[in-house]
PDB file of N, CA and C in Angstrom:
ATOM      1  N   MET A   1      18.024  -9.918  13.669  1.00  0.00           N
ATOM      2  CA  MET A   1      16.984  -8.939  13.891  1.00  0.00           C
ATOM      3  C   MET A   1      15.654  -9.511  13.398  1.00  0.00           C
ATOM      4  N   ALA A   2      14.654  -9.512  14.208  1.00  0.00           N
ATOM      5  CA  ALA A   2      13.363 -10.092  13.861  1.00  0.00           C
ATOM      6  C   ALA A   2      12.527  -9.092  13.080  1.00  0.00           C
ATOM      7  N   TRP A   3      11.806  -9.583  12.091  1.00  0.00           N
ATOM      8  CA  TRP A   3      10.914  -8.752  11.303  1.00  0.00           C
ATOM      9  C   TRP A   3       9.587  -8.645  12.026  1.00  0.00           C
ATOM     10  N   ARG A   4       9.182  -7.444  12.375  1.00  0.00           N
ATOM     11  CA  ARG A   4       7.947  -7.242  13.134  1.00  0.00           C
ATOM     12  C   ARG A   4       6.819  -6.672  12.300  1.00  0.00           C
ATOM     13  N   GLY A   5       7.095  -6.238  11.095  1.00  0.00           N
ATOM     14  CA  GLY A   5       6.039  -5.694  10.248  1.00  0.00           C
ATOM     15  C   GLY A   5       6.474  -4.400   9.595  1.00  0.00           C
ATOM     16  N   VAL A   6       5.634  -3.908   8.762  1.00  0.00           N
ATOM     17  CA  VAL A   6       5.902  -2.668   8.054  1.00  0.00           C
ATOM     18  C   VAL A   6       5.410  -1.513   8.908  1.00  0.00           C
ATOM     19  N   PRO A   7       6.221  -0.450   9.079  1.00  0.00           N
ATOM     20  CA  PRO A   7       5.790   0.680   9.902  1.00  0.00           C
ATOM     21  C   PRO A   7       4.488   1.287   9.388  1.00  0.00           C
ATOM     22  N   GLY A   8       3.619   1.637  10.317  1.00  0.00           N
ATOM     23  CA  GLY A   8       2.372   2.288   9.967  1.00  0.00           C
ATOM     24  C   GLY A   8       1.285   1.343   9.501  1.00  0.00           C
ATOM     25  N   MET A   9       1.478   0.039   9.687  1.00  0.00           N
ATOM     26  CA  MET A   9       0.485  -0.916   9.217  1.00  0.00           C
ATOM     27  C   MET A   9      -0.230  -1.603  10.365  1.00  0.00           C
ATOM     28  N   GLY A  10      -0.247  -1.008  11.530  1.00  0.00           N
ATOM     29  CA  GLY A  10      -1.034  -1.532  12.631  1.00  0.00           C
ATOM     30  C   GLY A  10      -0.572  -2.866  13.149  1.00  0.00           C
ATOM     31  N   GLY A  11       0.712  -3.167  13.060  1.00  0.00           N
ATOM     32  CA  GLY A  11       1.248  -4.390  13.630  1.00  0.00           C
ATOM     33  C   GLY A  11       1.022  -5.645  12.808  1.00  0.00           C
ATOM     34  N   ILE A  12       0.650  -5.511  11.532  1.00  0.00           N
ATOM     35  CA  ILE A  12       0.495  -6.691  10.691  1.00  0.00           C
ATOM     36  C   ILE A  12       1.879  -7.224  10.379  1.00  0.00           C
ATOM     37  N   SER A  13       2.112  -8.465  10.740  1.00  0.00           N
ATOM     38  CA  SER A  13       3.434  -9.029  10.494  1.00  0.00           C
ATOM     39  C   SER A  13       3.502  -9.621   9.098  1.00  0.00           C
ATOM     40  N   VAL A  14       4.685  -9.618   8.546  1.00  0.00           N
ATOM     41  CA  VAL A  14       4.916 -10.118   7.202  1.00  0.00           C
ATOM     42  C   VAL A  14       5.781 -11.359   7.316  1.00  0.00           C
ATOM     43  N   SER A  15       5.253 -12.505   6.849  1.00  0.00           N
ATOM     44  CA  SER A  15       5.977 -13.751   7.039  1.00  0.00           C
ATOM     45  C   SER A  15       7.060 -13.962   5.998  1.00  0.00           C
ATOM     46  N   SER A  16       6.831 -13.607   4.747  1.00  0.00           N
ATOM     47  CA  SER A  16       7.852 -13.795   3.720  1.00  0.00           C
ATOM     48  C   SER A  16       7.954 -12.540   2.867  1.00  0.00           C
ATOM     49  N   PRO A  17       8.814 -11.613   3.257  1.00  0.00           N
ATOM     50  CA  PRO A  17       8.895 -10.345   2.538  1.00  0.00           C
ATOM     51  C   PRO A  17       9.482 -10.460   1.131  1.00  0.00           C
ATOM     52  N   SER A  18       9.940 -11.654   0.728  1.00  0.00           N
ATOM     53  CA  SER A  18      10.552 -11.781  -0.586  1.00  0.00           C
ATOM     54  C   SER A  18       9.529 -11.970  -1.706  1.00  0.00           C
ATOM     55  N   HIS A  19       8.277 -12.311  -1.397  1.00  0.00           N
ATOM     56  CA  HIS A  19       7.262 -12.554  -2.408  1.00  0.00           C
ATOM     57  C   HIS A  19       6.326 -11.357  -2.524  1.00  0.00           C
ATOM     58  N   LEU A  20       6.850 -10.263  -3.032  1.00  0.00           N
ATOM     59  CA  LEU A  20       6.045  -9.049  -3.153  1.00  0.00           C
ATOM     60  C   LEU A  20       5.151  -9.118  -4.389  1.00  0.00           C
ATOM     61  N   MET A  21       3.950  -8.632  -4.229  1.00  0.00           N
ATOM     62  CA  MET A  21       3.000  -8.505  -5.332  1.00  0.00           C
ATOM     63  C   MET A  21       2.642  -7.032  -5.479  1.00  0.00           C
ATOM     64  N   LYS A  22       2.297  -6.646  -6.681  1.00  0.00           N
ATOM     65  CA  LYS A  22       1.836  -5.280  -6.907  1.00  0.00           C
ATOM     66  C   LYS A  22       0.440  -5.365  -7.503  1.00  0.00           C
ATOM     67  N   LYS A  23      -0.508  -4.660  -6.893  1.00  0.00           N
ATOM     68  CA  LYS A  23      -1.880  -4.606  -7.385  1.00  0.00           C
ATOM     69  C   LYS A  23      -2.318  -3.161  -7.471  1.00  0.00           C
ATOM     70  N   VAL A  24      -3.121  -2.876  -8.472  1.00  0.00           N
ATOM     71  CA  VAL A  24      -3.720  -1.562  -8.640  1.00  0.00           C
ATOM     72  C   VAL A  24      -5.212  -1.774  -8.840  1.00  0.00           C
ATOM     73  N   ILE A  25      -6.019  -1.091  -8.040  1.00  0.00           N
ATOM     74  CA  ILE A  25      -7.466  -1.157  -8.232  1.00  0.00           C
ATOM     75  C   ILE A  25      -7.979   0.233  -8.594  1.00  0.00           C
ATOM     76  N   GLN A  26      -9.027   0.245  -9.388  1.00  0.00           N
ATOM     77  CA  GLN A  26      -9.637   1.499  -9.821  1.00  0.00           C
ATOM     78  C   GLN A  26     -11.049   1.560  -9.272  1.00  0.00           C
ATOM     79  N   ILE A  27     -11.362   2.665  -8.626  1.00  0.00           N
ATOM     80  CA  ILE A  27     -12.701   2.895  -8.087  1.00  0.00           C
ATOM     81  C   ILE A  27     -13.278   4.110  -8.795  1.00  0.00           C
ATOM     82  N   ASP A  28     -14.372   3.898  -9.504  1.00  0.00           N
ATOM     83  CA  ASP A  28     -15.020   4.997 -10.221  1.00  0.00           C
ATOM     84  C   ASP A  28     -15.768   5.883  -9.240  1.00  0.00           C
ATOM     85  N   VAL A  29     -15.710   7.185  -9.468  1.00  0.00           N
ATOM     86  CA  VAL A  29     -16.398   8.170  -8.627  1.00  0.00           C
ATOM     87  C   VAL A  29     -17.720   8.512  -9.306  1.00  0.00           C
ATOM     88  N   PRO A  30     -18.854   8.422  -8.601  1.00  0.00           N
ATOM     89  CA  PRO A  30     -20.172   8.643  -9.218  1.00  0.00           C
ATOM     90  C   PRO A  30     -20.507  10.118  -9.438  1.00  0.00           C
ATOM     91  N   VAL A  31     -19.734  10.782 -10.276  1.00  0.00           N
ATOM     92  CA  VAL A  31     -19.937  12.208 -10.545  1.00  0.00           C
ATOM     93  C   VAL A  31     -21.251  12.438 -11.291  1.00  0.00           C
ATOM     94  N   ASP A  32     -21.622  11.507 -12.173  1.00  0.00           N
ATOM     95  CA  ASP A  32     -22.863  11.674 -12.932  1.00  0.00           C
ATOM     96  C   ASP A  32     -24.087  11.599 -12.029  1.00  0.00           C
ATOM     97  N   THR A  33     -24.037  10.743 -11.008  1.00  0.00           N
ATOM     98  CA  THR A  33     -25.161  10.594 -10.089  1.00  0.00           C
ATOM     99  C   THR A  33     -25.279  11.783  -9.140  1.00  0.00           C
ATOM    100  N   TYR A  34     -24.134  12.303  -8.687  1.00  0.00           N
ATOM    101  CA  TYR A  34     -24.103  13.427  -7.742  1.00  0.00           C
ATOM    102  C   TYR A  34     -23.256  14.564  -8.337  1.00  0.00           C
ATOM    103  N   PRO A  35     -23.792  15.330  -9.292  1.00  0.00           N
ATOM    104  CA  PRO A  35     -22.985  16.335  -9.997  1.00  0.00           C
ATOM    105  C   PRO A  35     -22.558  17.522  -9.137  1.00  0.00           C
ATOM    106  N   ASN A  36     -23.254  17.830  -8.051  1.00  0.00           N
ATOM    107  CA  ASN A  36     -22.921  19.002  -7.242  1.00  0.00           C
ATOM    108  C   ASN A  36     -22.066  18.678  -6.033  1.00  0.00           C
ATOM    109  N   PHE A  37     -21.645  17.432  -5.882  1.00  0.00           N
ATOM    110  CA  PHE A  37     -20.864  17.028  -4.717  1.00  0.00           C
ATOM    111  C   PHE A  37     -19.376  17.144  -5.019  1.00  0.00           C
ATOM    112  N   ASN A  38     -18.609  17.681  -4.067  1.00  0.00           N
ATOM    113  CA  ASN A  38     -17.172  17.892  -4.246  1.00  0.00           C
ATOM    114  C   ASN A  38     -16.407  16.640  -3.797  1.00  0.00           C
ATOM    115  N   PHE A  39     -16.318  15.650  -4.673  1.00  0.00           N
ATOM    116  CA  PHE A  39     -15.638  14.395  -4.340  1.00  0.00           C
ATOM    117  C   PHE A  39     -14.140  14.589  -4.138  1.00  0.00           C
ATOM    118  N   VAL A  40     -13.512  15.395  -4.980  1.00  0.00           N
ATOM    119  CA  VAL A  40     -12.066  15.599  -4.877  1.00  0.00           C
ATOM    120  C   VAL A  40     -11.723  16.268  -3.553  1.00  0.00           C
ATOM    121  N   GLY A  41     -12.496  17.256  -3.152  1.00  0.00           N
ATOM    122  CA  GLY A  41     -12.259  17.933  -1.878  1.00  0.00           C
ATOM    123  C   GLY A  41     -12.434  16.994  -0.699  1.00  0.00           C
ATOM    124  N   LEU A  42     -13.429  16.125  -0.772  1.00  0.00           N
ATOM    125  CA  LEU A  42     -13.654  15.163   0.304  1.00  0.00           C
ATOM    126  C   LEU A  42     -12.517  14.150   0.384  1.00  0.00           C
ATOM    127  N   LEU A  43     -12.041  13.671  -0.771  1.00  0.00           N
ATOM    128  CA  LEU A  43     -10.936  12.709  -0.790  1.00  0.00           C
ATOM    129  C   LEU A  43      -9.637  13.311  -0.275  1.00  0.00           C
ATOM    130  N   LEU A  44      -9.367  14.543  -0.689  1.00  0.00           N
ATOM    131  CA  LEU A  44      -8.124  15.194  -0.268  1.00  0.00           C
ATOM    132  C   LEU A  44      -8.169  15.615   1.193  1.00  0.00           C
ATOM    133  N   GLY A  45      -9.281  16.186   1.611  1.00  0.00           N
ATOM    134  CA  GLY A  45      -9.373  16.703   2.968  1.00  0.00           C
ATOM    135  C   GLY A  45      -8.650  18.031   3.074  1.00  0.00           C
ATOM    136  N   PRO A  46      -8.626  18.620   4.273  1.00  0.00           N
ATOM    137  CA  PRO A  46      -7.950  19.908   4.443  1.00  0.00           C
ATOM    138  C   PRO A  46      -6.443  19.774   4.195  1.00  0.00           C
ATOM    139  N   ARG A  47      -5.966  20.528   3.222  1.00  0.00           N
ATOM    140  CA  ARG A  47      -4.553  20.530   2.821  1.00  0.00           C
ATOM    141  C   ARG A  47      -4.037  19.134   2.467  1.00  0.00           C
ATOM    142  N   GLY A  48      -4.906  18.249   1.993  1.00  0.00           N
ATOM    143  CA  GLY A  48      -4.502  16.914   1.579  1.00  0.00           C
ATOM    144  C   GLY A  48      -4.281  15.942   2.717  1.00  0.00           C
ATOM    145  N   ASN A  49      -4.689  16.320   3.934  1.00  0.00           N
ATOM    146  CA  ASN A  49      -4.407  15.484   5.108  1.00  0.00           C
ATOM    147  C   ASN A  49      -5.152  14.158   5.096  1.00  0.00           C
ATOM    148  N   SER A  50      -6.374  14.110   4.585  1.00  0.00           N
ATOM    149  CA  SER A  50      -7.121  12.853   4.560  1.00  0.00           C
ATOM    150  C   SER A  50      -6.436  11.831   3.659  1.00  0.00           C
ATOM    151  N   LEU A  51      -6.013  12.278   2.491  1.00  0.00           N
ATOM    152  CA  LEU A  51      -5.316  11.391   1.565  1.00  0.00           C
ATOM    153  C   LEU A  51      -3.974  10.939   2.136  1.00  0.00           C
ATOM    154  N   LYS A  52      -3.250  11.844   2.746  1.00  0.00           N
ATOM    155  CA  LYS A  52      -1.959  11.493   3.367  1.00  0.00           C
ATOM    156  C   LYS A  52      -2.147  10.487   4.495  1.00  0.00           C
ATOM    157  N   ARG A  53      -3.215  10.672   5.294  1.00  0.00           N
ATOM    158  CA  ARG A  53      -3.473   9.749   6.401  1.00  0.00           C
ATOM    159  C   ARG A  53      -3.764   8.341   5.884  1.00  0.00           C
ATOM    160  N   ILE A  54      -4.559   8.243   4.827  1.00  0.00           N
ATOM    161  CA  ILE A  54      -4.859   6.931   4.235  1.00  0.00           C
ATOM    162  C   ILE A  54      -3.575   6.285   3.731  1.00  0.00           C
ATOM    163  N   GLU A  55      -2.741   7.052   3.049  1.00  0.00           N
ATOM    164  CA  GLU A  55      -1.491   6.500   2.527  1.00  0.00           C
ATOM    165  C   GLU A  55      -0.563   6.057   3.655  1.00  0.00           C
ATOM    166  N   ASN A  56      -0.476   6.838   4.729  1.00  0.00           N
ATOM    167  CA  ASN A  56       0.424   6.499   5.831  1.00  0.00           C
ATOM    168  C   ASN A  56      -0.053   5.297   6.634  1.00  0.00           C
ATOM    169  N   THR A  57      -1.355   5.183   6.859  1.00  0.00           N
ATOM    170  CA  THR A  57      -1.849   4.077   7.685  1.00  0.00           C
ATOM    171  C   THR A  57      -1.898   2.751   6.928  1.00  0.00           C
ATOM    172  N   THR A  58      -2.095   2.800   5.599  1.00  0.00           N
ATOM    173  CA  THR A  58      -2.206   1.559   4.840  1.00  0.00           C
ATOM    174  C   THR A  58      -0.940   1.186   4.090  1.00  0.00           C
ATOM    175  N   GLY A  59      -0.078   2.149   3.826  1.00  0.00           N
ATOM    176  CA  GLY A  59       1.117   1.874   3.035  1.00  0.00           C
ATOM    177  C   GLY A  59       0.837   1.818   1.547  1.00  0.00           C
ATOM    178  N   CYS A  60      -0.382   2.165   1.134  1.00  0.00           N
ATOM    179  CA  CYS A  60      -0.770   2.168  -0.277  1.00  0.00           C
ATOM    180  C   CYS A  60      -0.614   3.577  -0.846  1.00  0.00           C
ATOM    181  N   ARG A  61      -0.513   3.653  -2.161  1.00  0.00           N
ATOM    182  CA  ARG A  61      -0.510   4.952  -2.829  1.00  0.00           C
ATOM    183  C   ARG A  61      -1.913   5.195  -3.380  1.00  0.00           C
ATOM    184  N   VAL A  62      -2.404   6.416  -3.234  1.00  0.00           N
ATOM    185  CA  VAL A  62      -3.748   6.764  -3.696  1.00  0.00           C
ATOM    186  C   VAL A  62      -3.618   7.921  -4.679  1.00  0.00           C
ATOM    187  N   PHE A  63      -4.209   7.743  -5.862  1.00  0.00           N
ATOM    188  CA  PHE A  63      -4.149   8.750  -6.914  1.00  0.00           C
ATOM    189  C   PHE A  63      -5.565   9.116  -7.329  1.00  0.00           C
ATOM    190  N   ILE A  64      -5.828  10.413  -7.458  1.00  0.00           N
ATOM    191  CA  ILE A  64      -7.103  10.890  -7.986  1.00  0.00           C
ATOM    192  C   ILE A  64      -6.848  11.232  -9.447  1.00  0.00           C
ATOM    193  N   ARG A  65      -7.571  10.554 -10.339  1.00  0.00           N
ATOM    194  CA  ARG A  65      -7.337  10.699 -11.764  1.00  0.00           C
ATOM    195  C   ARG A  65      -8.645  10.952 -12.496  1.00  0.00           C
ATOM    196  N   GLY A  66      -8.540  11.431 -13.721  1.00  0.00           N
ATOM    197  CA  GLY A  66      -9.699  11.611 -14.579  1.00  0.00           C
ATOM    198  C   GLY A  66     -10.142  13.059 -14.676  1.00  0.00           C
ATOM    199  N   ARG A  67     -11.241  13.267 -15.405  1.00  0.00           N
ATOM    200  CA  ARG A  67     -11.793  14.596 -15.606  1.00  0.00           C
ATOM    201  C   ARG A  67     -12.183  15.216 -14.275  1.00  0.00           C
ATOM    202  N   GLY A  68     -11.672  16.390 -13.979  1.00  0.00           N
ATOM    203  CA  GLY A  68     -11.977  17.071 -12.727  1.00  0.00           C
ATOM    204  C   GLY A  68     -10.931  16.864 -11.651  1.00  0.00           C
ATOM    205  N   SER A  69      -9.865  16.117 -11.949  1.00  0.00           N
ATOM    206  CA  SER A  69      -8.839  15.873 -10.935  1.00  0.00           C
ATOM    207  C   SER A  69      -7.825  17.008 -10.843  1.00  0.00           C
ATOM    208  N   VAL A  70      -7.783  17.867 -11.851  1.00  0.00           N
ATOM    209  CA  VAL A  70      -6.884  19.027 -11.841  1.00  0.00           C
ATOM    210  C   VAL A  70      -7.698  20.230 -11.387  1.00  0.00           C
ATOM    211  N   ARG A  71      -7.160  21.001 -10.470  1.00  0.00           N
ATOM    212  CA  ARG A  71      -7.895  22.123  -9.880  1.00  0.00           C
ATOM    213  C   ARG A  71      -8.309  23.167 -10.918  1.00  0.00           C
ATOM    214  N   ASP A  72      -7.397  23.546 -11.801  1.00  0.00           N
ATOM    215  CA  ASP A  72      -7.656  24.586 -12.788  1.00  0.00           C
ATOM    216  C   ASP A  72      -8.195  23.948 -14.073  1.00  0.00           C
ATOM    217  N   GLY A  73      -9.423  24.272 -14.435  1.00  0.00           N
ATOM    218  CA  GLY A  73     -10.063  23.699 -15.615  1.00  0.00           C
ATOM    219  C   GLY A  73      -9.362  24.035 -16.911  1.00  0.00           C
ATOM    220  N   ASP A  74      -8.839  25.268 -17.027  1.00  0.00           N
ATOM    221  CA  ASP A  74      -8.119  25.657 -18.241  1.00  0.00           C
ATOM    222  C   ASP A  74      -6.824  24.875 -18.384  1.00  0.00           C
ATOM    223  N   LYS A  75      -6.141  24.686 -17.268  1.00  0.00           N
ATOM    224  CA  LYS A  75      -4.897  23.914 -17.280  1.00  0.00           C
ATOM    225  C   LYS A  75      -5.194  22.459 -17.653  1.00  0.00           C
ATOM    226  N   GLU A  76      -6.306  21.930 -17.133  1.00  0.00           N
ATOM    227  CA  GLU A  76      -6.689  20.552 -17.452  1.00  0.00           C
ATOM    228  C   GLU A  76      -6.915  20.396 -18.954  1.00  0.00           C
ATOM    229  N   GLU A  77      -7.582  21.363 -19.568  1.00  0.00           N
ATOM    230  CA  GLU A  77      -7.823  21.313 -21.013  1.00  0.00           C
ATOM    231  C   GLU A  77      -6.524  21.327 -21.802  1.00  0.00           C
ATOM    232  N   SER A  78      -5.552  22.130 -21.365  1.00  0.00           N
ATOM    233  CA  SER A  78      -4.283  22.207 -22.092  1.00  0.00           C
ATOM    234  C   SER A  78      -3.436  20.951 -21.896  1.00  0.00           C
ATOM    235  N   LEU A  79      -3.619  20.241 -20.778  1.00  0.00           N
ATOM    236  CA  LEU A  79      -2.841  19.032 -20.506  1.00  0.00           C
ATOM    237  C   LEU A  79      -3.475  17.774 -21.091  1.00  0.00           C
ATOM    238  N   ARG A  80      -4.728  17.845 -21.482  1.00  0.00           N
ATOM    239  CA  ARG A  80      -5.515  16.660 -21.833  1.00  0.00           C
ATOM    240  C   ARG A  80      -4.843  15.737 -22.853  1.00  0.00           C
ATOM    241  N   ASP A  81      -4.196  16.235 -23.867  1.00  0.00           N
ATOM    242  CA  ASP A  81      -3.629  15.385 -24.923  1.00  0.00           C
ATOM    243  C   ASP A  81      -2.123  15.185 -24.795  1.00  0.00           C
ATOM    244  N   LYS A  82      -1.542  15.607 -23.702  1.00  0.00           N
ATOM    245  CA  LYS A  82      -0.092  15.459 -23.519  1.00  0.00           C
ATOM    246  C   LYS A  82       0.248  14.104 -22.921  1.00  0.00           C
ATOM    247  N   PRO A  83       1.459  13.605 -23.203  1.00  0.00           N
ATOM    248  CA  PRO A  83       1.864  12.311 -22.632  1.00  0.00           C
ATOM    249  C   PRO A  83       1.867  12.358 -21.104  1.00  0.00           C
ATOM    250  N   GLY A  84       1.338  11.315 -20.490  1.00  0.00           N
ATOM    251  CA  GLY A  84       1.258  11.244 -19.039  1.00  0.00           C
ATOM    252  C   GLY A  84      -0.047  11.768 -18.476  1.00  0.00           C
ATOM    253  N   TYR A  85      -0.847  12.407 -19.314  1.00  0.00           N
ATOM    254  CA  TYR A  85      -2.126  12.965 -18.861  1.00  0.00           C
ATOM    255  C   TYR A  85      -3.302  12.351 -19.616  1.00  0.00           C
ATOM    256  N   GLU A  86      -3.134  11.140 -20.127  1.00  0.00           N
ATOM    257  CA  GLU A  86      -4.197  10.468 -20.862  1.00  0.00           C
ATOM    258  C   GLU A  86      -5.411  10.203 -19.978  1.00  0.00           C
ATOM    259  N   HIS A  87      -5.190  10.104 -18.667  1.00  0.00           N
ATOM    260  CA  HIS A  87      -6.291   9.829 -17.742  1.00  0.00           C
ATOM    261  C   HIS A  87      -7.318  10.951 -17.728  1.00  0.00           C
ATOM    262  N   LEU A  88      -6.966  12.139 -18.189  1.00  0.00           N
ATOM    263  CA  LEU A  88      -7.908  13.266 -18.197  1.00  0.00           C
ATOM    264  C   LEU A  88      -9.036  13.071 -19.214  1.00  0.00           C
ATOM    265  N   ASN A  89      -8.890  12.106 -20.123  1.00  0.00           N
ATOM    266  CA  ASN A  89      -9.947  11.793 -21.073  1.00  0.00           C
ATOM    267  C   ASN A  89     -10.965  10.818 -20.481  1.00  0.00           C
ATOM    268  N   GLU A  90     -10.682  10.249 -19.311  1.00  0.00           N
ATOM    269  CA  GLU A  90     -11.578   9.301 -18.654  1.00  0.00           C
ATOM    270  C   GLU A  90     -12.405  10.032 -17.601  1.00  0.00           C
ATOM    271  N   SER A  91     -13.431   9.361 -17.088  1.00  0.00           N
ATOM    272  CA  SER A  91     -14.225   9.958 -16.015  1.00  0.00           C
ATOM    273  C   SER A  91     -13.423   9.925 -14.714  1.00  0.00           C
ATOM    274  N   LEU A  92     -13.859  10.688 -13.725  1.00  0.00           N
ATOM    275  CA  LEU A  92     -13.148  10.801 -12.453  1.00  0.00           C
ATOM    276  C   LEU A  92     -13.099   9.441 -11.752  1.00  0.00           C
ATOM    277  N   HIS A  93     -11.912   9.047 -11.294  1.00  0.00           N
ATOM    278  CA  HIS A  93     -11.735   7.781 -10.592  1.00  0.00           C
ATOM    279  C   HIS A  93     -10.552   7.878  -9.638  1.00  0.00           C
ATOM    280  N   VAL A  94     -10.455   6.900  -8.753  1.00  0.00           N
ATOM    281  CA  VAL A  94      -9.374   6.823  -7.780  1.00  0.00           C
ATOM    282  C   VAL A  94      -8.598   5.543  -8.048  1.00  0.00           C
ATOM    283  N   LEU A  95      -7.283   5.648  -8.111  1.00  0.00           N
ATOM    284  CA  LEU A  95      -6.418   4.475  -8.241  1.00  0.00           C
ATOM    285  C   LEU A  95      -5.755   4.227  -6.898  1.00  0.00           C
ATOM    286  N   ILE A  96      -5.813   2.991  -6.433  1.00  0.00           N
ATOM    287  CA  ILE A  96      -5.125   2.608  -5.204  1.00  0.00           C
ATOM    288  C   ILE A  96      -4.102   1.552  -5.586  1.00  0.00           C
ATOM    289  N   GLU A  97      -2.847   1.837  -5.303  1.00  0.00           N
ATOM    290  CA  GLU A  97      -1.738   0.977  -5.696  1.00  0.00           C
ATOM    291  C   GLU A  97      -1.049   0.450  -4.448  1.00  0.00           C
ATOM    292  N   ALA A  98      -0.791  -0.856  -4.425  1.00  0.00           N
ATOM    293  CA  ALA A  98      -0.134  -1.463  -3.267  1.00  0.00           C
ATOM    294  C   ALA A  98       0.922  -2.450  -3.741  1.00  0.00           C
ATOM    295  N   GLU A  99       1.996  -2.531  -2.985  1.00  0.00           N
ATOM    296  CA  GLU A  99       3.049  -3.512  -3.248  1.00  0.00           C
ATOM    297  C   GLU A  99       3.434  -4.134  -1.910  1.00  0.00           C
ATOM    298  N   PHE A 100       2.883  -5.319  -1.652  1.00  0.00           N
ATOM    299  CA  PHE A 100       3.076  -6.027  -0.391  1.00  0.00           C
ATOM    300  C   PHE A 100       3.194  -7.519  -0.668  1.00  0.00           C
ATOM    301  N   PRO A 101       3.567  -8.284   0.344  1.00  0.00           N
ATOM    302  CA  PRO A 101       3.521  -9.742   0.209  1.00  0.00           C
ATOM    303  C   PRO A 101       2.087 -10.209  -0.044  1.00  0.00           C
ATOM    304  N   SER A 102       1.959 -11.335  -0.717  1.00  0.00           N
ATOM    305  CA  SER A 102       0.641 -11.811  -1.146  1.00  0.00           C
ATOM    306  C   SER A 102      -0.311 -12.082   0.011  1.00  0.00           C
ATOM    307  N   ASN A 103       0.217 -12.357   1.213  1.00  0.00           N
ATOM    308  CA  ASN A 103      -0.672 -12.676   2.328  1.00  0.00           C
ATOM    309  C   ASN A 103      -1.346 -11.445   2.933  1.00  0.00           C
ATOM    310  N   ILE A 104      -0.880 -10.232   2.644  1.00  0.00           N
ATOM    311  CA  ILE A 104      -1.513  -9.043   3.242  1.00  0.00           C
ATOM    312  C   ILE A 104      -1.936  -7.981   2.224  1.00  0.00           C
ATOM    313  N   ILE A 105      -1.659  -8.187   0.948  1.00  0.00           N
ATOM    314  CA  ILE A 105      -1.946  -7.129  -0.033  1.00  0.00           C
ATOM    315  C   ILE A 105      -3.436  -6.825  -0.118  1.00  0.00           C
ATOM    316  N   ASP A 106      -4.295  -7.850  -0.089  1.00  0.00           N
ATOM    317  CA  ASP A 106      -5.740  -7.609  -0.168  1.00  0.00           C
ATOM    318  C   ASP A 106      -6.266  -6.912   1.071  1.00  0.00           C
ATOM    319  N   ILE A 107      -5.713  -7.219   2.227  1.00  0.00           N
ATOM    320  CA  ILE A 107      -6.115  -6.559   3.472  1.00  0.00           C
ATOM    321  C   ILE A 107      -5.812  -5.068   3.391  1.00  0.00           C
ATOM    322  N   GLN A 108      -4.632  -4.726   2.931  1.00  0.00           N
ATOM    323  CA  GLN A 108      -4.225  -3.325   2.857  1.00  0.00           C
ATOM    324  C   GLN A 108      -5.042  -2.570   1.812  1.00  0.00           C
ATOM    325  N   LEU A 109      -5.309  -3.212   0.663  1.00  0.00           N
ATOM    326  CA  LEU A 109      -6.126  -2.553  -0.372  1.00  0.00           C
ATOM    327  C   LEU A 109      -7.544  -2.311   0.127  1.00  0.00           C
ATOM    328  N   ASN A 110      -8.123  -3.288   0.822  1.00  0.00           N
ATOM    329  CA  ASN A 110      -9.476  -3.103   1.345  1.00  0.00           C
ATOM    330  C   ASN A 110      -9.514  -2.015   2.403  1.00  0.00           C
ATOM    331  N   GLN A 111      -8.487  -1.930   3.224  1.00  0.00           N
ATOM    332  CA  GLN A 111      -8.454  -0.889   4.250  1.00  0.00           C
ATOM    333  C   GLN A 111      -8.334   0.493   3.600  1.00  0.00           C
ATOM    334  N   ALA A 112      -7.532   0.594   2.553  1.00  0.00           N
ATOM    335  CA  ALA A 112      -7.378   1.889   1.867  1.00  0.00           C
ATOM    336  C   ALA A 112      -8.677   2.257   1.170  1.00  0.00           C
TER     337      ALA A 112
END
């Protein structure tokens, strides 16, 4: 059976699927520069469809993290010091995580 590529990746073929790399990039959201702009709503889209579309077309995982990433402000305050929620002490940012062969990982991260 011939390897034709990863589903949902626009026909990018993978030459050696055994050499997987994992990369995570962090993109800071300029909340201080634009305080009245709804960045989380724009990233998520209607019912989270924009974020799901990015994840499906690129094969990357996208996480919205930091202050303002939780919808309920009171809940965010109560979660701030709990294990697994340390990111709430940082400013708002987006994490993009990819695990692909080294020849296409940068392409997929840039597309995401």
